[in-house]
Amino acid sequence: MKNGKLKHPFKPIIFKTSEILILGTFPSIKSFENNFYYSHPKNHFWDILGIVFNDKKPATIEEKIEFLKKHKIALWDSICECKRKNGNSRDDNLEILKPCDIESLLKIYPNIKKVAVTSRVAEKIIKKHFKNSPYSILHSPIYLPSPSPLNARLKLNEKAKIWKKLLQ
């Protein structure tokens, strides 16, 4: 994975009923290995969503997809092509080559009412590449505190409280 061009390995998870699109930056090395979004065992993404929606934390890929569908959430990333400058998953390690085509996704799925991002890097990418988008929800995406274990400034319950307030 070091220095090679990487293409996003997953399709967006989205349904006709999805109302919130949550965008990360780019899948971690662990997510590549486990073949699904937010797969690092220390990442709080699925824990946070379980708390936010007062629902059981999904464990398997099938449960995660069903959870997203049930709660009208779509999931994708802001970068579709990049290079890792070093062999780690940190956002500041990514050299962005191509953002994902989020506008095409929004065109196909008009029920999306909110776009939220799980990192400042994802937020910068959306604001830079979609500042003139006809989709106004891309002009100022909702920033959700990163679920990454590297974001130790906030505890799990604090992150969940903020996410719940912003996603309602």
N, C-alpha and C. Protein backbone atom coordinates (compact mmCIF):
# COMPACT_ATOMS: atom_id res chain seq x y z
N MET A 1 0.81 -1.21 0.00
CA MET A 1 0.00 0.00 0.00
C MET A 1 0.85 1.26 0.00
N LYS A 2 2.07 1.16 0.35
CA LYS A 2 2.92 2.34 0.45
C LYS A 2 3.25 2.89 -0.94
N ASN A 3 3.01 4.17 -1.13
CA ASN A 3 3.35 4.93 -2.32
C ASN A 3 2.58 4.56 -3.59
N GLY A 4 1.80 3.49 -3.58
CA GLY A 4 1.03 3.14 -4.77
C GLY A 4 -0.28 3.89 -4.83
N LYS A 5 -0.80 4.03 -6.06
CA LYS A 5 -2.10 4.68 -6.23
C LYS A 5 -3.18 3.73 -5.74
N LEU A 6 -4.05 4.25 -4.88
CA LEU A 6 -5.15 3.47 -4.32
C LEU A 6 -6.48 3.96 -4.85
N LYS A 7 -7.33 3.02 -5.22
CA LYS A 7 -8.70 3.35 -5.62
C LYS A 7 -9.63 2.89 -4.51
N HIS A 8 -10.67 3.65 -4.32
CA HIS A 8 -11.64 3.32 -3.27
C HIS A 8 -12.18 1.91 -3.52
N PRO A 9 -12.11 1.04 -2.51
CA PRO A 9 -12.50 -0.36 -2.73
C PRO A 9 -13.99 -0.67 -2.59
N PHE A 10 -14.77 0.27 -2.06
CA PHE A 10 -16.18 -0.03 -1.79
C PHE A 10 -17.11 0.90 -2.56
N LYS A 11 -18.27 0.36 -2.87
CA LYS A 11 -19.33 1.18 -3.44
C LYS A 11 -20.02 1.92 -2.29
N PRO A 12 -20.68 3.01 -2.61
CA PRO A 12 -21.44 3.67 -1.55
C PRO A 12 -22.54 2.72 -1.05
N ILE A 13 -22.85 2.84 0.22
CA ILE A 13 -23.98 2.10 0.78
C ILE A 13 -25.10 3.13 0.85
N ILE A 14 -26.09 2.96 0.03
CA ILE A 14 -27.16 3.96 -0.05
C ILE A 14 -28.44 3.28 -0.52
N PHE A 15 -29.55 3.83 -0.08
CA PHE A 15 -30.86 3.27 -0.39
C PHE A 15 -31.77 4.40 -0.85
N LYS A 16 -32.83 4.06 -1.53
CA LYS A 16 -33.79 5.08 -2.00
C LYS A 16 -34.37 5.87 -0.82
N THR A 17 -34.40 5.26 0.36
CA THR A 17 -34.96 5.90 1.55
C THR A 17 -33.92 6.69 2.36
N SER A 18 -32.64 6.63 1.97
CA SER A 18 -31.59 7.31 2.73
C SER A 18 -31.83 8.81 2.76
N GLU A 19 -31.64 9.41 3.94
CA GLU A 19 -31.84 10.85 4.11
C GLU A 19 -30.57 11.57 4.55
N ILE A 20 -29.64 10.83 5.16
CA ILE A 20 -28.38 11.41 5.63
C ILE A 20 -27.23 10.69 4.94
N LEU A 21 -26.35 11.44 4.32
CA LEU A 21 -25.14 10.88 3.71
C LEU A 21 -23.97 11.22 4.62
N ILE A 22 -23.33 10.17 5.17
CA ILE A 22 -22.15 10.37 6.00
C ILE A 22 -20.93 10.03 5.17
N LEU A 23 -20.02 10.99 5.08
CA LEU A 23 -18.81 10.83 4.29
C LEU A 23 -17.57 10.80 5.18
N GLY A 24 -16.79 9.77 5.02
CA GLY A 24 -15.49 9.72 5.67
C GLY A 24 -14.46 10.29 4.71
N THR A 25 -13.19 10.03 4.98
CA THR A 25 -12.12 10.51 4.11
C THR A 25 -11.78 9.44 3.08
N PHE A 26 -11.22 8.33 3.56
CA PHE A 26 -10.81 7.21 2.72
C PHE A 26 -10.66 6.01 3.64
N PRO A 27 -10.96 4.80 3.16
CA PRO A 27 -10.89 3.63 4.05
C PRO A 27 -9.50 3.41 4.64
N SER A 28 -9.51 3.01 5.90
CA SER A 28 -8.26 2.69 6.59
C SER A 28 -7.67 1.40 6.04
N ILE A 29 -6.46 1.13 6.40
CA ILE A 29 -5.82 -0.13 6.00
C ILE A 29 -6.65 -1.30 6.53
N LYS A 30 -7.12 -1.20 7.78
CA LYS A 30 -7.95 -2.26 8.37
C LYS A 30 -9.27 -2.43 7.61
N SER A 31 -9.84 -1.32 7.16
CA SER A 31 -11.09 -1.41 6.38
C SER A 31 -10.84 -2.12 5.05
N PHE A 32 -9.69 -1.85 4.42
CA PHE A 32 -9.32 -2.58 3.21
C PHE A 32 -9.24 -4.07 3.52
N GLU A 33 -8.57 -4.41 4.60
CA GLU A 33 -8.38 -5.82 4.98
C GLU A 33 -9.71 -6.50 5.29
N ASN A 34 -10.60 -5.80 5.96
CA ASN A 34 -11.89 -6.37 6.38
C ASN A 34 -13.01 -6.13 5.39
N ASN A 35 -12.70 -5.43 4.31
CA ASN A 35 -13.62 -5.23 3.19
C ASN A 35 -14.93 -4.51 3.57
N PHE A 36 -14.81 -3.51 4.49
CA PHE A 36 -15.99 -2.71 4.82
C PHE A 36 -15.59 -1.44 5.54
N TYR A 37 -16.48 -0.47 5.50
CA TYR A 37 -16.28 0.83 6.12
C TYR A 37 -16.08 0.74 7.63
N TYR A 38 -15.22 1.59 8.16
CA TYR A 38 -15.00 1.74 9.60
C TYR A 38 -14.78 0.38 10.29
N SER A 39 -13.82 -0.37 9.78
CA SER A 39 -13.58 -1.73 10.28
C SER A 39 -12.45 -1.85 11.29
N HIS A 40 -11.79 -0.75 11.61
CA HIS A 40 -10.75 -0.85 12.64
C HIS A 40 -11.46 -1.12 13.97
N PRO A 41 -11.01 -2.14 14.72
CA PRO A 41 -11.73 -2.49 15.95
C PRO A 41 -11.78 -1.37 17.00
N LYS A 42 -10.87 -0.41 16.94
CA LYS A 42 -10.89 0.69 17.92
C LYS A 42 -11.65 1.91 17.42
N ASN A 43 -12.10 1.89 16.16
CA ASN A 43 -12.87 3.01 15.64
C ASN A 43 -14.26 2.99 16.29
N HIS A 44 -14.74 4.16 16.68
CA HIS A 44 -16.02 4.26 17.40
C HIS A 44 -17.24 4.45 16.51
N PHE A 45 -17.07 4.45 15.20
CA PHE A 45 -18.18 4.76 14.29
C PHE A 45 -19.45 3.98 14.61
N TRP A 46 -19.35 2.66 14.66
CA TRP A 46 -20.55 1.84 14.86
C TRP A 46 -21.07 1.94 16.29
N ASP A 47 -20.17 2.13 17.25
CA ASP A 47 -20.59 2.35 18.65
C ASP A 47 -21.41 3.64 18.74
N ILE A 48 -20.91 4.70 18.10
CA ILE A 48 -21.58 6.00 18.14
C ILE A 48 -22.98 5.89 17.53
N LEU A 49 -23.07 5.27 16.36
CA LEU A 49 -24.39 5.15 15.71
C LEU A 49 -25.36 4.34 16.57
N GLY A 50 -24.86 3.29 17.23
CA GLY A 50 -25.72 2.51 18.12
C GLY A 50 -26.29 3.37 19.23
N ILE A 51 -25.45 4.23 19.81
CA ILE A 51 -25.90 5.13 20.88
C ILE A 51 -26.86 6.19 20.33
N VAL A 52 -26.49 6.81 19.20
CA VAL A 52 -27.31 7.87 18.60
C VAL A 52 -28.73 7.38 18.32
N PHE A 53 -28.85 6.18 17.78
CA PHE A 53 -30.17 5.67 17.40
C PHE A 53 -30.76 4.72 18.44
N ASN A 54 -30.12 4.65 19.63
CA ASN A 54 -30.62 3.80 20.70
C ASN A 54 -30.92 2.40 20.18
N ASP A 55 -29.94 1.83 19.49
CA ASP A 55 -30.10 0.55 18.82
C ASP A 55 -28.85 -0.30 19.10
N LYS A 56 -28.98 -1.58 18.92
CA LYS A 56 -27.86 -2.50 19.12
C LYS A 56 -26.76 -2.19 18.10
N LYS A 57 -25.52 -2.15 18.58
CA LYS A 57 -24.38 -1.93 17.68
C LYS A 57 -24.30 -3.11 16.71
N PRO A 58 -24.30 -2.82 15.41
CA PRO A 58 -24.20 -3.92 14.44
C PRO A 58 -22.80 -4.52 14.43
N ALA A 59 -22.72 -5.84 14.24
CA ALA A 59 -21.42 -6.52 14.29
C ALA A 59 -20.96 -7.00 12.91
N THR A 60 -21.82 -7.67 12.19
CA THR A 60 -21.43 -8.21 10.88
C THR A 60 -21.67 -7.17 9.78
N ILE A 61 -21.10 -7.41 8.63
CA ILE A 61 -21.33 -6.51 7.49
C ILE A 61 -22.82 -6.46 7.17
N GLU A 62 -23.48 -7.60 7.18
CA GLU A 62 -24.93 -7.64 6.88
C GLU A 62 -25.72 -6.82 7.89
N GLU A 63 -25.37 -6.95 9.17
CA GLU A 63 -26.05 -6.17 10.21
C GLU A 63 -25.79 -4.68 10.03
N LYS A 64 -24.59 -4.32 9.65
CA LYS A 64 -24.25 -2.90 9.45
C LYS A 64 -25.05 -2.32 8.29
N ILE A 65 -25.16 -3.06 7.20
CA ILE A 65 -25.94 -2.59 6.05
C ILE A 65 -27.41 -2.44 6.44
N GLU A 66 -27.94 -3.42 7.15
CA GLU A 66 -29.35 -3.36 7.59
C GLU A 66 -29.57 -2.19 8.56
N PHE A 67 -28.61 -1.95 9.45
CA PHE A 67 -28.67 -0.83 10.39
C PHE A 67 -28.75 0.49 9.63
N LEU A 68 -27.88 0.66 8.64
CA LEU A 68 -27.87 1.89 7.84
C LEU A 68 -29.20 2.08 7.13
N LYS A 69 -29.72 1.01 6.56
CA LYS A 69 -31.00 1.10 5.85
C LYS A 69 -32.13 1.48 6.81
N LYS A 70 -32.17 0.81 7.96
CA LYS A 70 -33.22 1.06 8.96
C LYS A 70 -33.23 2.51 9.41
N HIS A 71 -32.03 3.10 9.55
CA HIS A 71 -31.93 4.46 10.07
C HIS A 71 -31.73 5.53 8.98
N LYS A 72 -31.96 5.12 7.73
CA LYS A 72 -31.96 6.03 6.57
C LYS A 72 -30.62 6.75 6.38
N ILE A 73 -29.55 5.99 6.59
CA ILE A 73 -28.20 6.55 6.46
C ILE A 73 -27.53 5.97 5.22
N ALA A 74 -26.86 6.84 4.49
CA ALA A 74 -26.01 6.43 3.37
C ALA A 74 -24.57 6.64 3.81
N LEU A 75 -23.67 5.83 3.27
CA LEU A 75 -22.28 5.88 3.70
C LEU A 75 -21.36 5.82 2.48
N TRP A 76 -20.38 6.74 2.47
CA TRP A 76 -19.37 6.74 1.41
C TRP A 76 -18.19 7.54 1.93
N ASP A 77 -17.28 7.90 1.05
CA ASP A 77 -16.11 8.69 1.41
C ASP A 77 -15.94 9.85 0.46
N SER A 78 -15.10 10.79 0.85
CA SER A 78 -14.87 11.98 0.02
C SER A 78 -13.76 11.77 -1.01
N ILE A 79 -12.85 10.82 -0.76
CA ILE A 79 -11.75 10.55 -1.69
C ILE A 79 -11.96 9.20 -2.37
N CYS A 80 -11.86 9.18 -3.69
CA CYS A 80 -11.99 7.93 -4.43
C CYS A 80 -10.66 7.44 -5.00
N GLU A 81 -9.67 8.32 -5.05
CA GLU A 81 -8.34 7.91 -5.51
C GLU A 81 -7.29 8.73 -4.77
N CYS A 82 -6.27 8.04 -4.24
CA CYS A 82 -5.23 8.74 -3.49
C CYS A 82 -3.97 7.89 -3.41
N LYS A 83 -2.97 8.43 -2.76
CA LYS A 83 -1.74 7.70 -2.42
C LYS A 83 -1.53 7.87 -0.93
N ARG A 84 -1.01 6.82 -0.30
CA ARG A 84 -0.59 6.91 1.09
C ARG A 84 0.90 7.24 1.08
N LYS A 85 1.27 8.35 1.70
CA LYS A 85 2.68 8.75 1.70
C LYS A 85 3.50 7.83 2.59
N ASN A 86 2.90 7.30 3.63
CA ASN A 86 3.54 6.35 4.54
C ASN A 86 2.58 5.19 4.73
N GLY A 87 3.02 4.18 5.43
CA GLY A 87 2.20 3.00 5.59
C GLY A 87 1.21 3.06 6.73
N ASN A 88 0.50 4.18 6.89
CA ASN A 88 -0.52 4.24 7.94
C ASN A 88 -1.81 4.84 7.40
N SER A 89 -2.84 4.81 8.21
CA SER A 89 -4.18 5.21 7.76
C SER A 89 -4.55 6.65 8.11
N ARG A 90 -3.65 7.40 8.67
CA ARG A 90 -3.96 8.78 9.06
C ARG A 90 -4.35 9.63 7.85
N ASP A 91 -5.31 10.52 8.05
CA ASP A 91 -5.74 11.41 6.97
C ASP A 91 -4.62 12.31 6.47
N ASP A 92 -3.75 12.75 7.37
CA ASP A 92 -2.66 13.64 6.95
C ASP A 92 -1.59 12.89 6.16
N ASN A 93 -1.77 11.62 5.99
CA ASN A 93 -0.86 10.77 5.23
C ASN A 93 -1.33 10.59 3.79
N LEU A 94 -2.50 11.11 3.46
CA LEU A 94 -3.10 10.90 2.14
C LEU A 94 -2.75 12.02 1.17
N GLU A 95 -2.37 11.62 -0.01
CA GLU A 95 -2.20 12.58 -1.11
C GLU A 95 -3.43 12.39 -2.00
N ILE A 96 -4.26 13.40 -2.02
CA ILE A 96 -5.54 13.30 -2.72
C ILE A 96 -5.33 13.44 -4.22
N LEU A 97 -5.82 12.45 -4.95
CA LEU A 97 -5.73 12.48 -6.41
C LEU A 97 -7.08 12.77 -7.06
N LYS A 98 -8.15 12.24 -6.45
CA LYS A 98 -9.47 12.42 -7.06
C LYS A 98 -10.57 12.29 -5.99
N PRO A 99 -11.42 13.31 -5.89
CA PRO A 99 -12.56 13.19 -4.97
C PRO A 99 -13.62 12.26 -5.56
N CYS A 100 -14.49 11.74 -4.71
CA CYS A 100 -15.60 10.93 -5.19
C CYS A 100 -16.65 11.82 -5.86
N ASP A 101 -17.41 11.25 -6.76
CA ASP A 101 -18.43 12.00 -7.49
C ASP A 101 -19.73 12.03 -6.68
N ILE A 102 -19.72 12.85 -5.68
CA ILE A 102 -20.84 12.93 -4.75
C ILE A 102 -22.07 13.55 -5.41
N GLU A 103 -21.86 14.48 -6.32
CA GLU A 103 -22.99 15.11 -7.01
C GLU A 103 -23.81 14.08 -7.79
N SER A 104 -23.16 13.14 -8.45
CA SER A 104 -23.89 12.11 -9.19
C SER A 104 -24.73 11.25 -8.25
N LEU A 105 -24.18 10.97 -7.08
CA LEU A 105 -24.90 10.19 -6.08
C LEU A 105 -26.16 10.95 -5.63
N LEU A 106 -25.99 12.24 -5.37
CA LEU A 106 -27.13 13.05 -4.92
C LEU A 106 -28.19 13.18 -6.01
N LYS A 107 -27.77 13.16 -7.26
CA LYS A 107 -28.71 13.24 -8.37
C LYS A 107 -29.59 11.98 -8.43
N ILE A 108 -28.96 10.83 -8.18
CA ILE A 108 -29.67 9.55 -8.23
C ILE A 108 -30.54 9.35 -6.98
N TYR A 109 -30.10 9.91 -5.85
CA TYR A 109 -30.80 9.71 -4.57
C TYR A 109 -31.26 11.06 -4.01
N PRO A 110 -32.35 11.59 -4.53
CA PRO A 110 -32.81 12.92 -4.13
C PRO A 110 -33.36 13.02 -2.70
N ASN A 111 -33.54 11.90 -2.02
CA ASN A 111 -34.04 11.94 -0.64
C ASN A 111 -32.99 12.39 0.36
N ILE A 112 -31.72 12.47 -0.06
CA ILE A 112 -30.67 12.89 0.86
C ILE A 112 -30.91 14.35 1.23
N LYS A 113 -31.09 14.60 2.54
CA LYS A 113 -31.38 15.95 3.03
C LYS A 113 -30.19 16.58 3.74
N LYS A 114 -29.26 15.73 4.23
CA LYS A 114 -28.09 16.22 4.97
C LYS A 114 -26.85 15.48 4.51
N VAL A 115 -25.74 16.21 4.48
CA VAL A 115 -24.44 15.59 4.24
C VAL A 115 -23.58 15.89 5.45
N ALA A 116 -23.03 14.85 6.04
CA ALA A 116 -22.17 14.99 7.21
C ALA A 116 -20.81 14.37 6.91
N VAL A 117 -19.78 14.90 7.54
CA VAL A 117 -18.42 14.39 7.35
C VAL A 117 -17.84 13.98 8.71
N THR A 118 -16.95 12.97 8.67
CA THR A 118 -16.38 12.47 9.92
C THR A 118 -14.92 12.86 10.11
N SER A 119 -14.47 13.84 9.34
CA SER A 119 -13.10 14.34 9.54
C SER A 119 -12.99 15.74 8.95
N ARG A 120 -12.02 16.49 9.45
CA ARG A 120 -11.77 17.82 8.91
C ARG A 120 -11.24 17.74 7.48
N VAL A 121 -10.48 16.68 7.17
CA VAL A 121 -9.97 16.52 5.82
C VAL A 121 -11.13 16.30 4.85
N ALA A 122 -12.07 15.45 5.20
CA ALA A 122 -13.25 15.23 4.36
C ALA A 122 -14.02 16.54 4.18
N GLU A 123 -14.14 17.30 5.24
CA GLU A 123 -14.83 18.59 5.18
C GLU A 123 -14.13 19.53 4.19
N LYS A 124 -12.79 19.60 4.26
CA LYS A 124 -12.03 20.46 3.35
C LYS A 124 -12.20 20.03 1.90
N ILE A 125 -12.20 18.73 1.66
CA ILE A 125 -12.35 18.21 0.30
C ILE A 125 -13.72 18.60 -0.26
N ILE A 126 -14.76 18.41 0.53
CA ILE A 126 -16.12 18.74 0.07
C ILE A 126 -16.22 20.24 -0.21
N LYS A 127 -15.73 21.06 0.71
CA LYS A 127 -15.82 22.51 0.53
C LYS A 127 -15.00 22.98 -0.67
N LYS A 128 -13.86 22.35 -0.91
CA LYS A 128 -13.00 22.76 -2.03
C LYS A 128 -13.57 22.31 -3.38
N HIS A 129 -13.93 21.05 -3.49
CA HIS A 129 -14.32 20.48 -4.78
C HIS A 129 -15.79 20.69 -5.13
N PHE A 130 -16.61 21.04 -4.15
CA PHE A 130 -18.04 21.17 -4.42
C PHE A 130 -18.59 22.54 -4.02
N LYS A 131 -17.69 23.54 -3.95
CA LYS A 131 -18.13 24.88 -3.52
C LYS A 131 -19.12 25.51 -4.49
N ASN A 132 -19.08 25.12 -5.76
CA ASN A 132 -20.02 25.66 -6.74
C ASN A 132 -21.08 24.65 -7.14
N SER A 133 -21.26 23.65 -6.32
CA SER A 133 -22.22 22.60 -6.62
C SER A 133 -23.65 23.13 -6.63
N PRO A 134 -24.48 22.61 -7.52
CA PRO A 134 -25.90 22.98 -7.47
C PRO A 134 -26.60 22.38 -6.25
N TYR A 135 -25.92 21.44 -5.56
CA TYR A 135 -26.47 20.83 -4.35
C TYR A 135 -25.98 21.62 -3.14
N SER A 136 -26.84 22.49 -2.63
CA SER A 136 -26.44 23.39 -1.54
C SER A 136 -26.03 22.64 -0.28
N ILE A 137 -26.50 21.41 -0.08
CA ILE A 137 -26.11 20.65 1.11
C ILE A 137 -24.62 20.30 1.09
N LEU A 138 -23.96 20.46 -0.04
CA LEU A 138 -22.51 20.23 -0.12
C LEU A 138 -21.71 21.48 0.23
N HIS A 139 -22.34 22.63 0.27
CA HIS A 139 -21.63 23.88 0.53
C HIS A 139 -21.12 23.98 1.96
N SER A 140 -21.86 23.43 2.89
CA SER A 140 -21.42 23.45 4.29
C SER A 140 -21.85 22.15 4.96
N PRO A 141 -21.07 21.08 4.74
CA PRO A 141 -21.42 19.79 5.34
C PRO A 141 -21.38 19.87 6.87
N ILE A 142 -22.14 19.02 7.50
CA ILE A 142 -22.18 18.94 8.96
C ILE A 142 -20.91 18.22 9.42
N TYR A 143 -20.17 18.84 10.32
CA TYR A 143 -18.97 18.20 10.84
C TYR A 143 -19.30 17.38 12.09
N LEU A 144 -19.04 16.08 12.00
CA LEU A 144 -19.20 15.17 13.14
C LEU A 144 -17.81 14.89 13.70
N PRO A 145 -17.61 15.00 14.99
CA PRO A 145 -16.28 14.69 15.54
C PRO A 145 -15.83 13.30 15.10
N SER A 146 -14.59 13.19 14.71
CA SER A 146 -14.04 11.95 14.18
C SER A 146 -14.26 10.78 15.14
N PRO A 147 -14.71 9.64 14.58
CA PRO A 147 -14.86 8.44 15.40
C PRO A 147 -13.54 7.70 15.60
N SER A 148 -12.48 8.20 14.99
CA SER A 148 -11.17 7.56 15.08
C SER A 148 -10.66 7.52 16.52
N PRO A 149 -9.94 6.44 16.87
CA PRO A 149 -9.35 6.39 18.21
C PRO A 149 -8.28 7.48 18.39
N LEU A 150 -7.80 8.04 17.30
CA LEU A 150 -6.82 9.13 17.39
C LEU A 150 -7.46 10.41 17.93
N ASN A 151 -8.78 10.52 17.80
CA ASN A 151 -9.50 11.67 18.35
C ASN A 151 -9.86 11.34 19.80
N ALA A 152 -8.87 11.40 20.67
CA ALA A 152 -9.06 11.05 22.08
C ALA A 152 -9.50 12.25 22.91
N ARG A 153 -9.62 13.40 22.27
CA ARG A 153 -10.04 14.61 22.98
C ARG A 153 -11.44 14.44 23.56
N LEU A 154 -12.29 13.71 22.84
CA LEU A 154 -13.66 13.46 23.31
C LEU A 154 -13.84 11.98 23.59
N LYS A 155 -14.57 11.68 24.65
CA LYS A 155 -14.90 10.29 24.97
C LYS A 155 -16.07 9.84 24.09
N LEU A 156 -16.26 8.53 24.00
CA LEU A 156 -17.30 7.94 23.16
C LEU A 156 -18.67 8.58 23.39
N ASN A 157 -19.10 8.69 24.64
CA ASN A 157 -20.43 9.25 24.92
C ASN A 157 -20.54 10.72 24.54
N GLU A 158 -19.45 11.45 24.66
CA GLU A 158 -19.45 12.86 24.25
C GLU A 158 -19.59 12.97 22.74
N LYS A 159 -18.88 12.13 22.00
CA LYS A 159 -19.01 12.12 20.54
C LYS A 159 -20.44 11.78 20.15
N ALA A 160 -20.99 10.75 20.78
CA ALA A 160 -22.36 10.31 20.46
C ALA A 160 -23.38 11.42 20.72
N LYS A 161 -23.21 12.15 21.80
CA LYS A 161 -24.13 13.24 22.15
C LYS A 161 -24.10 14.32 21.05
N ILE A 162 -22.90 14.67 20.59
CA ILE A 162 -22.75 15.67 19.53
C ILE A 162 -23.33 15.16 18.22
N TRP A 163 -23.03 13.92 17.86
CA TRP A 163 -23.56 13.34 16.63
C TRP A 163 -25.09 13.35 16.65
N LYS A 164 -25.67 12.95 17.78
CA LYS A 164 -27.13 12.88 17.88
C LYS A 164 -27.76 14.25 17.64
N LYS A 165 -27.19 15.26 18.27
CA LYS A 165 -27.70 16.61 18.11
C LYS A 165 -27.62 17.07 16.64
N LEU A 166 -26.52 16.77 15.98
CA LEU A 166 -26.30 17.22 14.61
C LEU A 166 -27.07 16.42 13.57
N LEU A 167 -27.34 15.17 13.85
CA LEU A 167 -28.01 14.31 12.86
C LEU A 167 -29.54 14.34 12.95
N GLN A 168 -30.08 14.93 14.02
CA GLN A 168 -31.54 14.98 14.18
C GLN A 168 -32.17 15.95 13.21
